[in-house]
PDB file of N, CA and C in Angstrom:
ATOM      1  N   UNK A   1     -44.549  42.819  17.715  1.00  0.00           N
ATOM      2  CA  UNK A   1     -44.242  41.378  18.175  1.00  0.00           C
ATOM      3  C   UNK A   1     -45.444  40.843  18.938  1.00  0.00           C
ATOM      4  N   UNK A   2     -46.202  41.754  19.601  1.00  0.00           N
ATOM      5  CA  UNK A   2     -47.441  41.156  20.226  1.00  0.00           C
ATOM      6  C   UNK A   2     -48.488  40.683  19.342  1.00  0.00           C
ATOM      7  N   UNK A   3     -48.490  41.215  18.140  1.00  0.00           N
ATOM      8  CA  UNK A   3     -49.363  40.875  17.019  1.00  0.00           C
ATOM      9  C   UNK A   3     -49.030  39.458  16.712  1.00  0.00           C
ATOM     10  N   UNK A   4     -47.915  39.021  16.423  1.00  0.00           N
ATOM     11  CA  UNK A   4     -47.561  37.802  16.146  1.00  0.00           C
ATOM     12  C   UNK A   4     -47.866  36.551  17.254  1.00  0.00           C
ATOM     13  N   UNK A   5     -47.610  37.256  18.477  1.00  0.00           N
ATOM     14  CA  UNK A   5     -47.978  36.202  19.620  1.00  0.00           C
ATOM     15  C   UNK A   5     -49.552  35.894  19.631  1.00  0.00           C
ATOM     16  N   UNK A   6     -50.318  37.040  19.348  1.00  0.00           N
ATOM     17  CA  UNK A   6     -51.793  36.751  19.368  1.00  0.00           C
ATOM     18  C   UNK A   6     -52.216  35.867  18.159  1.00  0.00           C
ATOM     19  N   UNK A   7     -51.532  36.176  17.024  1.00  0.00           N
ATOM     20  CA  UNK A   7     -52.053  35.439  15.988  1.00  0.00           C
ATOM     21  C   UNK A   7     -51.550  33.922  16.224  1.00  0.00           C
ATOM     22  N   UNK A   8     -50.630  33.686  16.862  1.00  0.00           N
ATOM     23  CA  UNK A   8     -50.149  32.257  17.022  1.00  0.00           C
ATOM     24  C   UNK A   8     -51.008  31.601  18.127  1.00  0.00           C
ATOM     25  N   UNK A   9     -51.505  32.521  19.170  1.00  0.00           N
ATOM     26  CA  UNK A   9     -52.455  31.983  20.124  1.00  0.00           C
ATOM     27  C   UNK A   9     -53.751  31.714  19.525  1.00  0.00           C
ATOM     28  N   UNK A  10     -54.159  32.655  18.544  1.00  0.00           N
ATOM     29  CA  UNK A  10     -55.453  32.395  17.984  1.00  0.00           C
ATOM     30  C   UNK A  10     -55.429  30.975  16.915  1.00  0.00           C
ATOM     31  N   UNK A  11     -54.285  30.842  16.536  1.00  0.00           N
ATOM     32  CA  UNK A  11     -54.030  29.699  15.698  1.00  0.00           C
ATOM     33  C   UNK A  11     -54.044  28.265  16.621  1.00  0.00           C
ATOM     34  N   UNK A  12     -53.442  28.419  17.711  1.00  0.00           N
ATOM     35  CA  UNK A  12     -53.383  27.313  18.508  1.00  0.00           C
ATOM     36  C   UNK A  12     -54.894  27.040  19.258  1.00  0.00           C
ATOM     37  N   UNK A  13     -55.603  28.118  19.587  1.00  0.00           N
ATOM     38  CA  UNK A  13     -56.971  28.022  20.009  1.00  0.00           C
ATOM     39  C   UNK A  13     -57.818  27.279  19.057  1.00  0.00           C
ATOM     40  N   UNK A  14     -57.621  27.716  17.819  1.00  0.00           N
ATOM     41  CA  UNK A  14     -58.390  27.118  16.672  1.00  0.00           C
ATOM     42  C   UNK A  14     -58.090  25.668  16.548  1.00  0.00           C
ATOM     43  N   UNK A  15     -56.828  25.317  16.587  1.00  0.00           N
ATOM     44  CA  UNK A  15     -56.457  23.928  16.463  1.00  0.00           C
ATOM     45  C   UNK A  15     -57.058  23.120  17.690  1.00  0.00           C
ATOM     46  N   UNK A  16     -56.974  23.694  18.946  1.00  0.00           N
ATOM     47  CA  UNK A  16     -57.564  23.140  19.991  1.00  0.00           C
ATOM     48  C   UNK A  16     -59.055  22.859  19.888  1.00  0.00           C
ATOM     49  N   UNK A  17     -59.698  23.851  19.310  1.00  0.00           N
ATOM     50  CA  UNK A  17     -61.212  23.565  19.066  1.00  0.00           C
ATOM     51  C   UNK A  17     -61.411  22.497  18.021  1.00  0.00           C
ATOM     52  N   UNK A  18     -60.605  22.539  17.059  1.00  0.00           N
ATOM     53  CA  UNK A  18     -60.777  21.330  16.072  1.00  0.00           C
ATOM     54  C   UNK A  18     -60.412  20.074  16.742  1.00  0.00           C
ATOM     55  N   UNK A  19     -59.426  19.947  17.428  1.00  0.00           N
ATOM     56  CA  UNK A  19     -59.081  18.542  18.075  1.00  0.00           C
ATOM     57  C   UNK A  19     -60.158  18.220  19.016  1.00  0.00           C
ATOM     58  N   UNK A  20     -60.714  19.306  19.858  1.00  0.00           N
ATOM     59  CA  UNK A  20     -61.752  18.796  20.779  1.00  0.00           C
ATOM     60  C   UNK A  20     -63.131  18.316  19.925  1.00  0.00           C
ATOM     61  N   UNK A  21     -63.295  18.960  18.915  1.00  0.00           N
ATOM     62  CA  UNK A  21     -64.594  18.481  18.090  1.00  0.00           C
ATOM     63  C   UNK A  21     -64.298  17.019  17.546  1.00  0.00           C
ATOM     64  N   UNK A  22     -63.054  16.993  17.099  1.00  0.00           N
ATOM     65  CA  UNK A  22     -62.792  15.528  16.548  1.00  0.00           C
ATOM     66  C   UNK A  22     -62.715  14.414  17.690  1.00  0.00           C
ATOM     67  N   UNK A  23     -62.252  14.851  18.759  1.00  0.00           N
ATOM     68  CA  UNK A  23     -62.216  13.889  19.926  1.00  0.00           C
ATOM     69  C   UNK A  23     -63.777  13.530  20.274  1.00  0.00           C
ATOM     70  N   UNK A  24     -64.581  14.493  20.290  1.00  0.00           N
ATOM     71  CA  UNK A  24     -66.030  14.361  20.640  1.00  0.00           C
ATOM     72  C   UNK A  24     -66.656  13.373  19.618  1.00  0.00           C
ATOM     73  N   UNK A  25     -66.258  13.625  18.416  1.00  0.00           N
ATOM     74  CA  UNK A  25     -66.880  12.816  17.335  1.00  0.00           C
ATOM     75  C   UNK A  25     -66.373  11.391  17.432  1.00  0.00           C
ATOM     76  N   UNK A  26     -65.171  11.094  17.568  1.00  0.00           N
ATOM     77  CA  UNK A  26     -64.658   9.844  17.873  1.00  0.00           C
ATOM     78  C   UNK A  26     -65.233   9.190  19.106  1.00  0.00           C
ATOM     79  N   UNK A  27     -65.338   9.938  20.091  1.00  0.00           N
ATOM     80  CA  UNK A  27     -65.994   9.413  21.456  1.00  0.00           C
ATOM     81  C   UNK A  27     -67.494   8.907  21.091  1.00  0.00           C
ATOM     82  N   UNK A  28     -68.158   9.760  20.491  1.00  0.00           N
ATOM     83  CA  UNK A  28     -69.601   9.363  20.058  1.00  0.00           C
ATOM     84  C   UNK A  28     -69.594   8.221  19.173  1.00  0.00           C
ATOM     85  N   UNK A  29     -68.742   8.003  18.189  1.00  0.00           N
ATOM     86  CA  UNK A  29     -68.669   6.757  17.308  1.00  0.00           C
ATOM     87  C   UNK A  29     -68.295   5.614  18.230  1.00  0.00           C
ATOM     88  N   UNK A  30     -67.262   5.664  19.165  1.00  0.00           N
ATOM     89  CA  UNK A  30     -67.009   4.596  19.938  1.00  0.00           C
ATOM     90  C   UNK A  30     -68.181   4.171  20.801  1.00  0.00           C
ATOM     91  N   UNK A  31     -68.895   5.211  21.389  1.00  0.00           N
ATOM     92  CA  UNK A  31     -70.030   4.766  22.093  1.00  0.00           C
ATOM     93  C   UNK A  31     -71.085   4.011  21.283  1.00  0.00           C
ATOM     94  N   UNK A  32     -71.220   4.702  20.069  1.00  0.00           N
ATOM     95  CA  UNK A  32     -72.293   3.870  19.204  1.00  0.00           C
ATOM     96  C   UNK A  32     -71.914   2.598  18.800  1.00  0.00           C
ATOM     97  N   UNK A  33     -70.534   2.351  18.521  1.00  0.00           N
ATOM     98  CA  UNK A  33     -70.160   1.067  18.387  1.00  0.00           C
ATOM     99  C   UNK A  33     -70.178   0.024  19.488  1.00  0.00           C
ATOM    100  N   UNK A  34     -69.968   0.608  20.653  1.00  0.00           N
ATOM    101  CA  UNK A  34     -70.078  -0.287  21.912  1.00  0.00           C
ATOM    102  C   UNK A  34     -71.513  -0.642  21.903  1.00  0.00           C
ATOM    103  N   UNK A  35     -72.583   0.267  21.762  1.00  0.00           N
ATOM    104  CA  UNK A  35     -73.884  -0.150  21.759  1.00  0.00           C
ATOM    105  C   UNK A  35     -74.254  -1.342  20.672  1.00  0.00           C
ATOM    106  N   UNK A  36     -73.642  -1.036  19.716  1.00  0.00           N
ATOM    107  CA  UNK A  36     -73.893  -2.076  18.471  1.00  0.00           C
ATOM    108  C   UNK A  36     -73.506  -3.370  18.909  1.00  0.00           C
ATOM    109  N   UNK A  37     -72.272  -3.421  19.454  1.00  0.00           N
ATOM    110  CA  UNK A  37     -71.596  -4.655  19.888  1.00  0.00           C
ATOM    111  C   UNK A  37     -72.385  -5.342  21.005  1.00  0.00           C
ATOM    112  N   UNK A  38     -72.886  -4.552  21.901  1.00  0.00           N
ATOM    113  CA  UNK A  38     -73.694  -5.067  23.011  1.00  0.00           C
ATOM    114  C   UNK A  38     -74.953  -5.725  22.478  1.00  0.00           C
ATOM    115  N   UNK A  39     -75.615  -4.980  21.550  1.00  0.00           N
ATOM    116  CA  UNK A  39     -76.809  -5.555  20.794  1.00  0.00           C
ATOM    117  C   UNK A  39     -76.471  -6.857  20.126  1.00  0.00           C
ATOM    118  N   UNK A  40     -75.486  -6.850  19.339  1.00  0.00           N
ATOM    119  CA  UNK A  40     -75.098  -8.042  18.665  1.00  0.00           C
ATOM    120  C   UNK A  40     -74.823  -9.363  19.531  1.00  0.00           C
ATOM    121  N   UNK A  41     -74.167  -8.985  20.688  1.00  0.00           N
ATOM    122  CA  UNK A  41     -73.893 -10.105  21.600  1.00  0.00           C
ATOM    123  C   UNK A  41     -75.293 -10.696  22.182  1.00  0.00           C
ATOM    124  N   UNK A  42     -76.079  -9.748  22.425  1.00  0.00           N
ATOM    125  CA  UNK A  42     -77.422 -10.203  22.938  1.00  0.00           C
ATOM    126  C   UNK A  42     -78.149 -11.140  22.080  1.00  0.00           C
ATOM    127  N   UNK A  43     -78.092 -10.582  20.746  1.00  0.00           N
ATOM    128  CA  UNK A  43     -78.786 -11.359  19.543  1.00  0.00           C
ATOM    129  C   UNK A  43     -78.147 -12.683  19.409  1.00  0.00           C
ATOM    130  N   UNK A  44     -76.749 -12.750  19.538  1.00  0.00           N
ATOM    131  CA  UNK A  44     -76.073 -13.937  19.550  1.00  0.00           C
ATOM    132  C   UNK A  44     -76.504 -14.957  20.551  1.00  0.00           C
ATOM    133  N   UNK A  45     -76.637 -14.429  21.781  1.00  0.00           N
ATOM    134  CA  UNK A  45     -76.978 -15.269  22.840  1.00  0.00           C
ATOM    135  C   UNK A  45     -78.323 -15.885  22.660  1.00  0.00           C
ATOM    136  N   UNK A  46     -79.255 -15.032  22.113  1.00  0.00           N
ATOM    137  CA  UNK A  46     -80.613 -15.429  21.842  1.00  0.00           C
ATOM    138  C   UNK A  46     -80.668 -16.432  20.842  1.00  0.00           C
ATOM    139  N   UNK A  47     -79.813 -16.332  19.637  1.00  0.00           N
ATOM    140  CA  UNK A  47     -79.772 -17.288  18.726  1.00  0.00           C
ATOM    141  C   UNK A  47     -79.141 -18.629  19.092  1.00  0.00           C
ATOM    142  N   UNK A  48     -78.119 -18.507  20.068  1.00  0.00           N
ATOM    143  CA  UNK A  48     -77.666 -19.742  20.519  1.00  0.00           C
ATOM    144  C   UNK A  48     -78.574 -20.555  21.447  1.00  0.00           C
ATOM    145  N   UNK A  49     -79.380 -19.829  22.286  1.00  0.00           N
ATOM    146  CA  UNK A  49     -80.409 -20.478  22.949  1.00  0.00           C
ATOM    147  C   UNK A  49     -81.439 -21.101  22.048  1.00  0.00           C
ATOM    148  N   UNK A  50     -81.897 -20.376  21.119  1.00  0.00           N
ATOM    149  CA  UNK A  50     -82.714 -20.851  20.250  1.00  0.00           C
ATOM    150  C   UNK A  50     -82.322 -22.187  19.555  1.00  0.00           C
ATOM    151  N   UNK A  51     -80.969 -22.194  18.902  1.00  0.00           N
ATOM    152  CA  UNK A  51     -80.501 -23.337  18.441  1.00  0.00           C
ATOM    153  C   UNK A  51     -80.374 -24.514  19.273  1.00  0.00           C
ATOM    154  N   UNK A  52     -80.198 -24.224  20.548  1.00  0.00           N
ATOM    155  CA  UNK A  52     -79.974 -25.358  21.625  1.00  0.00           C
ATOM    156  C   UNK A  52     -81.423 -26.018  21.777  1.00  0.00           C
ATOM    157  N   UNK A  53     -82.504 -25.046  21.705  1.00  0.00           N
ATOM    158  CA  UNK A  53     -83.787 -25.669  21.865  1.00  0.00           C
ATOM    159  C   UNK A  53     -84.342 -26.363  20.717  1.00  0.00           C
ATOM    160  N   UNK A  54     -83.871 -25.820  19.604  1.00  0.00           N
ATOM    161  CA  UNK A  54     -84.074 -26.639  18.444  1.00  0.00           C
ATOM    162  C   UNK A  54     -83.642 -28.051  18.337  1.00  0.00           C
ATOM    163  N   UNK A  55     -82.289 -28.002  18.688  1.00  0.00           N
ATOM    164  CA  UNK A  55     -81.583 -29.424  18.772  1.00  0.00           C
ATOM    165  C   UNK A  55     -82.246 -30.246  19.709  1.00  0.00           C
ATOM    166  N   UNK A  56     -82.682 -29.764  20.774  1.00  0.00           N
ATOM    167  CA  UNK A  56     -83.325 -30.768  21.826  1.00  0.00           C
ATOM    168  C   UNK A  56     -84.632 -31.267  21.247  1.00  0.00           C
ATOM    169  N   UNK A  57     -85.410 -30.466  20.471  1.00  0.00           N
ATOM    170  CA  UNK A  57     -86.591 -30.836  20.033  1.00  0.00           C
ATOM    171  C   UNK A  57     -86.367 -31.903  18.915  1.00  0.00           C
ATOM    172  N   UNK A  58     -85.277 -31.489  18.158  1.00  0.00           N
ATOM    173  CA  UNK A  58     -84.959 -32.609  17.114  1.00  0.00           C
ATOM    174  C   UNK A  58     -84.504 -33.872  17.684  1.00  0.00           C
ATOM    175  N   UNK A  59     -83.830 -33.922  18.630  1.00  0.00           N
ATOM    176  CA  UNK A  59     -83.450 -35.055  19.321  1.00  0.00           C
ATOM    177  C   UNK A  59     -84.620 -35.890  19.794  1.00  0.00           C
ATOM    178  N   UNK A  60     -85.475 -35.275  20.468  1.00  0.00           N
ATOM    179  CA  UNK A  60     -86.727 -35.935  21.051  1.00  0.00           C
ATOM    180  C   UNK A  60     -87.465 -36.401  19.807  1.00  0.00           C
ATOM    181  N   UNK A  61     -87.606 -35.734  18.775  1.00  0.00           N
ATOM    182  CA  UNK A  61     -88.418 -36.142  17.523  1.00  0.00           C
ATOM    183  C   UNK A  61     -87.702 -37.354  17.003  1.00  0.00           C
ATOM    184  N   UNK A  62     -86.441 -37.429  16.798  1.00  0.00           N
ATOM    185  CA  UNK A  62     -85.717 -38.428  16.455  1.00  0.00           C
ATOM    186  C   UNK A  62     -85.853 -39.726  17.220  1.00  0.00           C
ATOM    187  N   UNK A  63     -85.700 -39.472  18.463  1.00  0.00           N
ATOM    188  CA  UNK A  63     -85.990 -40.710  19.535  1.00  0.00           C
ATOM    189  C   UNK A  63     -87.398 -41.294  19.315  1.00  0.00           C
ATOM    190  N   UNK A  64     -88.441 -40.417  19.171  1.00  0.00           N
ATOM    191  CA  UNK A  64     -89.741 -40.722  19.091  1.00  0.00           C
ATOM    192  C   UNK A  64     -90.179 -41.485  17.738  1.00  0.00           C
ATOM    193  N   UNK A  65     -89.375 -41.007  16.620  1.00  0.00           N
ATOM    194  CA  UNK A  65     -89.518 -41.604  15.391  1.00  0.00           C
ATOM    195  C   UNK A  65     -88.898 -43.055  15.311  1.00  0.00           C
ATOM    196  N   UNK A  66     -87.939 -43.286  16.188  1.00  0.00           N
ATOM    197  CA  UNK A  66     -87.171 -44.534  16.283  1.00  0.00           C
ATOM    198  C   UNK A  66     -87.869 -45.521  17.144  1.00  0.00           C
ATOM    199  N   UNK A  67     -88.761 -45.004  18.042  1.00  0.00           N
ATOM    200  CA  UNK A  67     -89.557 -45.832  19.015  1.00  0.00           C
ATOM    201  C   UNK A  67     -90.570 -46.693  18.338  1.00  0.00           C
TER     202      UNK A  67
END
């Protein structure tokens, strides 16, 4: 009977190791995705600022052309 208990314990330990490895991999992917999202947000903010500046320049140029 003890042999069956040990076999089950070994099976559970193997499953535990597999699940821990899977959790670690998922955590690493989530962290990588969080970094990607942060970078995209910074790029978006920079692009929005550049667009605002370009619109201001275009407005001034239009006003000067009409003067």
